[in-house]
Amino acid sequence: MLQGLPFSEDFSIFALPGMLTSWRAPTYESVLIFSSFLIFLGIGSHIVPGKYVKGQPLIYDQTKRLTYKINGLNLFFCLIGFFFFGSYYMKWFEPTLVYDHFGPIFTTVNIFATLLTITLFITGITSGRGKREGNLIHDLFLGVELNPRFAGLDLKFFALRPALMGWIMVNFSLAAQEYKVYGSLSTGMILYQIFTFIYAFDYFYFEECMLSTWDIIAENWGFMLIWGDLVWICFMFAVQPWFLLYNRIHLTPIQMIIISTIFAIGFAVFRISNSQKHQFKTNPKSLIWGKKPETIGGKLLVSGFWGILRKPNYLGDWIVAFSFSFPCLFNTPIVYLYPIYLVVLNSHRQWRDHQKCSKKYGELWKEYCRRVPYVVLPGLI
C-alpha cells in the first residue's frame, strides 16, 4: 500500500527544500549528475542539428556579429528522450533522481556558479577581454566580460539551456516522486507541468529571438546572471511542485478552465509582443498586425502591443508567472516567490532601461514616452 509523504501540512519556508533545508555537502553522485548534465548539453550543442544565425551587432564594435547555433529545441527533446528512455526503459537511473539527490545537487550547483564567476573574472581581466567598471564586488556581481566563450560556446547564451532544461528536469523528477508515492498526479501538478513545459518549449522554439534581448546584447556575464541561470531558475522556479508534492491540490474543472484561460492570455501577450520586437529588430519593414510598423525616428517601435505599452512582454510574462502558482491556489505566499521576484526584477530592469534609453535617444525617447505613457498596465502604470 502506498504511504503518504511524511511531511507536515504546514508548508513554510523552513520546510522548503531548495531554499533553507536543502543545503547538503556535495556528494560523488551530485557532482557526477551535474557534470554529466552539463557535458550532455555542451556536446549536444555542437552535434545536434540546428541552423547558424548571426547575433546583433556588438555594442563595443558595431561592425561585428557573433555566430550562434540555434538547436535548443532539438537538444531539449534529446534530453527529454534520454530522461524517459534511461529511467523508465533502460533503468539506468530512477526518474526521481533529482529529488533523491536534491540537497547535494543544489549545493554543488551553487559552488560551481561561484567558482565560475571567479574564474571568468580572472580570465576576463588577464586576457584583456574584460573591463573593470567598479569595485571588486560590483565587477564580480555584474561581470567584466560581455561574451565569454569556452569550447566554442557563447557561455551566456548557452547557460539558458541548463537553466530551463534543468528546471524542467527538476519538475519531472518531483512529478515522478508524487506518482511513485501516490500512484497518480494531482490536477494541480498536471496543470503546473503542462504550463511550464509549454513555457520552456516556447523559449527553445523561438530561441533565436533571445539574440535580440538586452541580456545577450548588453549585460556582462557575472554572478548575477550565472547564479540566476544555474541556481535561481533551476531550483527556485520549482517552488510550486515542491508544495504540490507536500500538499496535493485537486482542482475543480471550473478552476482548471479559469487558470488555463489566464495562462493562455498571458502567454499570447508574452509571445506576440516578443515576436513583434524581434521582427522589428531583424526586419524593420515587416508588417505588424497587417500594417506597416509605426516608429519614432525609425528606431522606437510604436505598433502592435508596443504602441499600447512600453513593456507588454513584461505584462505577459507576469501573467504567465502567476499562472504557474495558481494551481497551488492561495494556501501560502511561498508558492508566489517566482512571480513576485519577476515583478521586482522587471521593475528594476525597466527603470535601468529607461535611464539608458533616455541618454541614448534623447528627445526621441521623450516623444516615445509621450506617445506610449504606460509601461505595463494600460491606464495605471
Protein backbone atom coordinates (compact mmCIF):
# COMPACT_ATOMS: atom_id res chain seq x y z
CA MET A 1 0.00 0.00 0.00
CA LEU A 2 1.26 3.47 -0.85
CA GLN A 3 2.11 5.62 2.13
CA GLY A 4 1.66 9.38 2.23
CA LEU A 5 4.67 11.64 2.27
CA PRO A 6 5.96 12.17 5.83
CA PHE A 7 5.73 15.94 5.72
CA SER A 8 3.79 18.42 7.76
CA GLU A 9 0.84 20.11 6.13
CA ASP A 10 2.24 23.41 7.37
CA PHE A 11 4.27 24.33 4.33
CA SER A 12 6.62 27.12 5.31
CA ILE A 13 9.92 28.49 4.06
CA PHE A 14 11.66 26.40 6.73
CA ALA A 15 10.25 23.20 5.25
CA LEU A 16 11.01 24.13 1.66
CA PRO A 17 13.74 22.01 0.07
CA GLY A 18 15.90 24.04 -2.23
CA MET A 19 15.87 27.15 -0.08
CA LEU A 20 16.92 26.70 3.51
CA THR A 21 16.77 23.00 4.29
CA SER A 22 18.46 21.55 1.21
CA TRP A 23 21.99 22.71 1.92
CA ARG A 24 23.92 19.44 1.99
CA ALA A 25 27.57 18.73 1.33
CA PRO A 26 28.25 17.80 -2.29
CA THR A 27 28.50 14.07 -2.92
CA TYR A 28 30.13 12.00 -5.61
CA GLU A 29 26.68 11.38 -7.04
CA SER A 30 25.70 15.06 -7.09
CA VAL A 31 28.92 16.07 -8.85
CA LEU A 32 28.51 13.23 -11.35
CA ILE A 33 24.87 14.12 -12.05
CA PHE A 34 25.51 17.84 -12.58
CA SER A 35 28.73 17.42 -14.57
CA SER A 36 27.11 14.76 -16.79
CA PHE A 37 24.18 17.10 -17.37
CA LEU A 38 26.47 19.96 -18.46
CA ILE A 39 28.61 17.70 -20.65
CA PHE A 40 25.48 16.24 -22.30
CA LEU A 41 24.22 19.73 -23.14
CA GLY A 42 27.67 21.01 -24.13
CA ILE A 43 28.36 18.20 -26.58
CA GLY A 44 24.76 18.27 -27.77
CA SER A 45 25.01 21.98 -28.50
CA HIS A 46 27.70 21.09 -31.05
CA ILE A 47 26.46 17.84 -32.60
CA VAL A 48 22.66 18.14 -32.52
CA PRO A 49 21.39 19.58 -35.85
CA GLY A 50 20.48 23.24 -35.97
CA LYS A 51 20.88 26.39 -38.02
CA TYR A 52 23.56 29.03 -37.67
CA VAL A 53 22.49 32.66 -37.28
CA LYS A 54 24.20 35.98 -36.67
CA GLY A 55 23.54 37.88 -33.47
CA GLN A 56 23.02 41.61 -33.13
CA PRO A 57 25.98 43.98 -33.73
CA LEU A 58 28.26 44.02 -30.70
CA ILE A 59 27.84 47.16 -28.59
CA TYR A 60 31.61 47.67 -28.44
CA ASP A 61 32.10 47.03 -32.18
CA GLN A 62 29.06 47.62 -34.40
CA THR A 63 30.85 46.02 -37.37
CA LYS A 64 30.98 42.58 -35.74
CA ARG A 65 28.33 39.94 -35.07
CA LEU A 66 28.78 36.64 -33.26
CA THR A 67 27.52 33.41 -34.79
CA TYR A 68 25.21 31.12 -32.81
CA LYS A 69 23.96 27.59 -33.46
CA ILE A 70 20.22 27.51 -32.84
CA ASN A 71 19.46 23.91 -31.89
CA GLY A 72 18.00 24.31 -28.42
CA LEU A 73 14.62 22.77 -29.30
CA ASN A 74 16.21 19.66 -30.80
CA LEU A 75 18.53 19.38 -27.80
CA PHE A 76 15.56 19.85 -25.44
CA PHE A 77 13.79 16.84 -26.93
CA CYS A 78 17.01 14.82 -26.92
CA LEU A 79 17.30 15.45 -23.18
CA ILE A 80 13.66 14.57 -22.51
CA GLY A 81 14.02 11.42 -24.64
CA PHE A 82 17.15 10.43 -22.72
CA PHE A 83 15.38 11.06 -19.39
CA PHE A 84 12.44 8.78 -20.16
CA PHE A 85 14.44 6.18 -22.09
CA GLY A 86 17.19 5.99 -19.48
CA SER A 87 14.90 5.93 -16.45
CA TYR A 88 11.77 4.05 -17.44
CA TYR A 89 13.02 1.77 -20.23
CA MET A 90 16.72 1.06 -19.56
CA LYS A 91 16.51 1.55 -15.76
CA TRP A 92 19.90 3.33 -15.74
CA PHE A 93 18.60 5.70 -13.08
CA GLU A 94 15.40 6.46 -11.23
CA PRO A 95 13.10 9.14 -12.65
CA THR A 96 13.20 10.61 -9.13
CA LEU A 97 16.99 11.07 -9.45
CA VAL A 98 16.95 14.84 -8.88
CA TYR A 99 14.50 14.53 -5.98
CA ASP A 100 16.61 11.79 -4.37
CA HIS A 101 19.82 13.89 -4.52
CA PHE A 102 18.28 17.35 -4.42
CA GLY A 103 20.19 18.80 -1.46
CA PRO A 104 23.71 17.82 -2.61
CA ILE A 105 22.91 18.83 -6.22
CA PHE A 106 21.65 22.20 -5.02
CA THR A 107 24.87 22.81 -3.07
CA THR A 108 27.05 21.54 -5.93
CA VAL A 109 25.49 23.94 -8.41
CA ASN A 110 25.86 26.88 -6.01
CA ILE A 111 29.57 26.12 -5.58
CA PHE A 112 30.01 25.72 -9.33
CA ALA A 113 28.30 29.07 -10.03
CA THR A 114 30.56 30.81 -7.50
CA LEU A 115 33.76 29.25 -8.86
CA LEU A 116 32.72 30.00 -12.43
CA THR A 117 32.14 33.66 -11.51
CA ILE A 118 35.63 33.97 -10.01
CA THR A 119 37.23 32.12 -12.94
CA LEU A 120 35.58 34.33 -15.56
CA PHE A 121 36.55 37.46 -13.64
CA ILE A 122 40.21 36.40 -13.59
CA THR A 123 40.35 35.20 -17.21
CA GLY A 124 38.42 38.24 -18.42
CA ILE A 125 40.85 40.68 -16.81
CA THR A 126 44.07 38.78 -17.59
CA SER A 127 43.10 38.22 -21.23
CA GLY A 128 42.16 41.84 -21.79
CA ARG A 129 38.65 40.89 -22.94
CA GLY A 130 37.09 42.11 -19.70
CA LYS A 131 36.83 45.62 -18.34
CA ARG A 132 36.67 46.75 -14.72
CA GLU A 133 33.85 49.23 -14.10
CA GLY A 134 33.58 49.41 -10.33
CA ASN A 135 34.84 47.87 -7.11
CA LEU A 136 35.59 44.16 -6.79
CA ILE A 137 32.14 43.17 -5.52
CA HIS A 138 30.44 45.18 -8.26
CA ASP A 139 32.52 43.59 -11.01
CA LEU A 140 32.13 40.07 -9.68
CA PHE A 141 28.38 40.53 -9.40
CA LEU A 142 27.77 42.13 -12.80
CA GLY A 143 30.73 40.62 -14.62
CA VAL A 144 33.56 42.12 -16.62
CA GLU A 145 33.13 40.37 -19.97
CA LEU A 146 30.19 40.60 -22.36
CA ASN A 147 30.56 37.35 -24.32
CA PRO A 148 32.84 34.86 -22.55
CA ARG A 149 33.36 31.74 -24.64
CA PHE A 150 34.51 28.22 -23.88
CA ALA A 151 34.82 25.16 -26.13
CA GLY A 152 33.25 27.06 -28.99
CA LEU A 153 30.18 28.10 -27.00
CA ASP A 154 28.97 31.56 -26.00
CA LEU A 155 28.56 30.79 -22.30
CA LYS A 156 25.94 33.45 -21.65
CA PHE A 157 23.69 32.15 -24.42
CA PHE A 158 24.44 28.51 -23.59
CA ALA A 159 23.68 28.93 -19.85
CA LEU A 160 19.99 29.37 -20.53
CA ARG A 161 19.91 25.77 -21.75
CA PRO A 162 20.95 24.11 -18.47
CA ALA A 163 18.80 26.74 -16.71
CA LEU A 164 15.48 25.99 -18.41
CA MET A 165 16.16 22.35 -19.20
CA GLY A 166 17.36 21.82 -15.64
CA TRP A 167 14.17 23.43 -14.34
CA ILE A 168 12.08 21.01 -16.41
CA MET A 169 14.15 18.06 -15.14
CA VAL A 170 13.52 19.16 -11.55
CA ASN A 171 9.80 19.43 -12.34
CA PHE A 172 9.70 15.99 -13.96
CA SER A 173 11.54 14.43 -11.03
CA LEU A 174 9.13 15.90 -8.49
CA ALA A 175 6.15 14.71 -10.53
CA ALA A 176 7.76 11.25 -10.69
CA GLN A 177 8.09 11.27 -6.90
CA GLU A 178 4.42 12.15 -6.46
CA TYR A 179 3.44 9.35 -8.83
CA LYS A 180 5.78 6.94 -7.02
CA VAL A 181 4.17 7.68 -3.66
CA TYR A 182 0.51 8.10 -4.62
CA GLY A 183 0.16 6.27 -7.93
CA SER A 184 -1.24 9.35 -9.64
CA LEU A 185 -0.69 13.06 -10.17
CA SER A 186 -2.94 15.71 -8.70
CA THR A 187 -4.68 18.02 -11.15
CA GLY A 188 -2.68 20.90 -9.70
CA MET A 189 0.59 19.13 -10.52
CA ILE A 190 -0.62 18.20 -14.01
CA LEU A 191 -1.59 21.78 -14.82
CA TYR A 192 1.70 23.12 -13.48
CA GLN A 193 3.70 20.61 -15.53
CA ILE A 194 1.78 21.50 -18.71
CA PHE A 195 2.24 25.25 -18.24
CA THR A 196 5.96 25.05 -17.51
CA PHE A 197 6.61 22.62 -20.36
CA ILE A 198 4.83 24.97 -22.78
CA TYR A 199 6.90 27.88 -21.48
CA ALA A 200 10.21 26.03 -21.92
CA PHE A 201 9.16 24.66 -25.31
CA ASP A 202 8.27 28.17 -26.44
CA TYR A 203 11.66 29.52 -25.37
CA PHE A 204 13.56 26.93 -27.36
CA TYR A 205 11.22 27.12 -30.34
CA PHE A 206 11.91 30.86 -30.51
CA GLU A 207 15.45 30.61 -29.14
CA GLU A 208 16.75 32.83 -31.93
CA CYS A 209 14.70 35.71 -30.52
CA MET A 210 16.91 35.65 -27.41
CA LEU A 211 19.72 37.11 -29.51
CA SER A 212 17.92 40.46 -29.68
CA THR A 213 17.30 40.72 -25.91
CA TRP A 214 19.04 43.07 -23.52
CA ASP A 215 20.69 40.20 -21.62
CA ILE A 216 22.56 38.97 -24.67
CA ILE A 217 23.25 42.34 -26.26
CA ALA A 218 24.36 44.46 -23.33
CA GLU A 219 24.67 42.62 -19.99
CA ASN A 220 28.08 41.36 -18.88
CA TRP A 221 28.05 37.79 -17.61
CA GLY A 222 28.76 37.88 -13.89
CA PHE A 223 27.42 36.26 -10.74
CA MET A 224 24.01 37.91 -11.14
CA LEU A 225 23.29 36.11 -14.41
CA ILE A 226 25.38 33.00 -13.73
CA TRP A 227 23.71 32.26 -10.39
CA GLY A 228 20.39 33.43 -11.75
CA ASP A 229 20.58 30.95 -14.63
CA LEU A 230 22.07 27.91 -12.94
CA VAL A 231 20.56 28.17 -9.45
CA TRP A 232 17.62 30.54 -9.35
CA ILE A 233 15.87 29.31 -12.48
CA CYS A 234 16.65 25.61 -11.97
CA PHE A 235 15.69 25.38 -8.33
CA MET A 236 13.81 28.44 -7.12
CA PHE A 237 11.37 28.37 -10.02
CA ALA A 238 10.34 24.91 -8.78
CA VAL A 239 8.78 26.02 -5.51
CA GLN A 240 5.28 25.15 -6.76
CA PRO A 241 5.85 21.43 -7.46
CA TRP A 242 7.50 21.06 -4.05
CA PHE A 243 4.36 22.49 -2.49
CA LEU A 244 2.13 20.26 -4.64
CA LEU A 245 4.19 17.26 -3.62
CA TYR A 246 3.60 18.07 0.05
CA ASN A 247 0.00 19.21 -0.36
CA ARG A 248 -1.85 17.64 -3.27
CA ILE A 249 -4.30 20.08 -4.83
CA HIS A 250 -7.23 18.61 -6.75
CA LEU A 251 -8.66 21.46 -8.81
CA THR A 252 -12.25 21.53 -9.96
CA PRO A 253 -12.96 21.68 -13.72
CA ILE A 254 -14.01 25.33 -13.35
CA GLN A 255 -10.78 26.20 -11.54
CA MET A 256 -8.74 24.46 -14.24
CA ILE A 257 -10.57 26.35 -17.00
CA ILE A 258 -10.12 29.73 -15.30
CA ILE A 259 -6.41 29.18 -14.57
CA SER A 260 -5.79 27.83 -18.08
CA THR A 261 -7.53 30.85 -19.63
CA ILE A 262 -5.41 33.26 -17.59
CA PHE A 263 -2.28 31.41 -18.65
CA ALA A 264 -3.34 31.45 -22.32
CA ILE A 265 -3.96 35.22 -22.26
CA GLY A 266 -0.62 35.95 -20.61
CA PHE A 267 1.21 33.58 -22.91
CA ALA A 268 -0.33 35.18 -26.00
CA VAL A 269 0.67 38.70 -24.90
CA PHE A 270 4.17 37.50 -23.99
CA ARG A 271 4.81 35.60 -27.21
CA ILE A 272 3.24 38.07 -29.64
CA SER A 273 4.93 41.13 -28.12
CA ASN A 274 8.35 39.45 -28.07
CA SER A 275 7.90 38.31 -31.66
CA GLN A 276 6.92 41.82 -32.75
CA LYS A 277 10.03 43.29 -31.13
CA HIS A 278 12.35 40.68 -32.61
CA GLN A 279 10.71 41.02 -36.01
CA PHE A 280 11.21 44.78 -35.98
CA LYS A 281 14.87 44.48 -34.96
CA THR A 282 15.67 41.91 -37.64
CA ASN A 283 13.41 43.23 -40.43
CA PRO A 284 12.06 46.75 -39.74
CA LYS A 285 9.78 46.62 -42.79
CA SER A 286 7.81 43.53 -41.73
CA LEU A 287 4.10 44.12 -41.19
CA ILE A 288 2.75 44.20 -37.65
CA TRP A 289 -0.92 43.40 -37.29
CA GLY A 290 -1.19 43.69 -41.07
CA LYS A 291 0.17 47.23 -41.20
CA LYS A 292 3.49 48.90 -41.85
CA PRO A 293 5.17 49.41 -38.46
CA GLU A 294 5.00 52.91 -36.99
CA THR A 295 8.15 54.24 -35.37
CA ILE A 296 9.57 57.32 -33.75
CA GLY A 297 12.67 58.38 -35.60
CA GLY A 298 12.83 54.99 -37.28
CA LYS A 299 14.21 53.50 -34.06
CA LEU A 300 11.43 53.17 -31.49
CA LEU A 301 8.53 50.88 -32.34
CA VAL A 302 5.00 52.13 -31.58
CA SER A 303 2.99 49.49 -33.42
CA GLY A 304 1.26 46.37 -32.17
CA PHE A 305 1.47 45.82 -28.43
CA TRP A 306 4.40 48.25 -28.35
CA GLY A 307 2.06 51.08 -29.25
CA ILE A 308 -0.03 50.28 -26.16
CA LEU A 309 2.64 49.61 -23.54
CA ARG A 310 6.37 50.17 -23.28
CA LYS A 311 6.87 46.71 -21.80
CA PRO A 312 3.99 44.49 -22.98
CA ASN A 313 6.28 41.45 -22.80
CA TYR A 314 6.70 42.06 -19.06
CA LEU A 315 2.93 42.11 -18.57
CA GLY A 316 2.55 38.81 -20.42
CA ASP A 317 5.45 37.26 -18.52
CA TRP A 318 3.94 38.34 -15.19
CA ILE A 319 0.57 36.81 -16.01
CA VAL A 320 2.26 33.55 -17.05
CA ALA A 321 4.38 33.53 -13.89
CA PHE A 322 1.33 33.92 -11.65
CA SER A 323 -0.37 31.17 -13.66
CA PHE A 324 2.41 28.79 -12.61
CA SER A 325 1.41 29.42 -8.98
CA PHE A 326 -2.38 29.42 -9.32
CA PRO A 327 -2.58 25.57 -9.34
CA CYS A 328 -1.40 25.82 -5.71
CA LEU A 329 -4.34 28.18 -5.05
CA PHE A 330 -3.74 30.63 -2.19
CA ASN A 331 -2.62 28.36 0.63
CA THR A 332 0.73 30.07 1.20
CA PRO A 333 2.55 33.09 -0.24
CA ILE A 334 5.72 30.99 -0.65
CA VAL A 335 4.43 29.50 -3.90
CA TYR A 336 4.26 33.02 -5.34
CA LEU A 337 8.00 33.54 -4.82
CA TYR A 338 8.79 33.39 -8.54
CA PRO A 339 6.11 35.80 -9.84
CA ILE A 340 6.85 38.29 -7.05
CA TYR A 341 10.55 38.07 -7.82
CA LEU A 342 9.83 38.59 -11.52
CA VAL A 343 7.78 41.72 -10.86
CA VAL A 344 10.60 43.18 -8.75
CA LEU A 345 13.29 42.17 -11.27
CA ASN A 346 11.45 43.55 -14.28
CA SER A 347 10.52 46.75 -12.46
CA HIS A 348 14.16 47.42 -11.68
CA ARG A 349 15.22 46.43 -15.18
CA GLN A 350 12.62 48.75 -16.68
CA TRP A 351 13.99 51.61 -14.60
CA ARG A 352 17.55 50.84 -15.77
CA ASP A 353 16.35 50.57 -19.35
CA HIS A 354 14.55 53.91 -19.07
CA GLN A 355 17.73 55.61 -17.83
CA LYS A 356 19.87 54.17 -20.62
CA CYS A 357 17.33 54.90 -23.36
CA SER A 358 16.94 58.47 -22.12
CA LYS A 359 20.66 59.01 -22.65
CA LYS A 360 20.80 57.08 -25.91
CA TYR A 361 17.75 58.51 -27.70
CA GLY A 362 17.33 61.91 -26.02
CA GLU A 363 14.33 63.80 -27.41
CA LEU A 364 13.15 60.72 -29.33
CA TRP A 365 12.73 58.88 -26.04
CA LYS A 366 10.75 61.77 -24.54
CA GLU A 367 8.45 61.70 -27.55
CA TYR A 368 8.15 57.93 -27.24
CA CYS A 369 7.14 58.23 -23.57
CA ARG A 370 4.50 60.82 -24.50
CA ARG A 371 3.20 58.54 -27.27
CA VAL A 372 3.23 55.41 -25.06
CA PRO A 373 2.74 56.70 -21.49
CA TYR A 374 2.09 53.37 -19.77
CA VAL A 375 4.72 50.76 -19.04
CA VAL A 376 2.95 47.53 -18.10
CA LEU A 377 -0.68 48.25 -17.18
CA PRO A 378 -2.86 50.37 -19.52
CA GLY A 379 -4.30 53.37 -17.70
CA LEU A 380 -2.41 52.62 -14.48
CA ILE A 381 1.35 52.21 -14.68
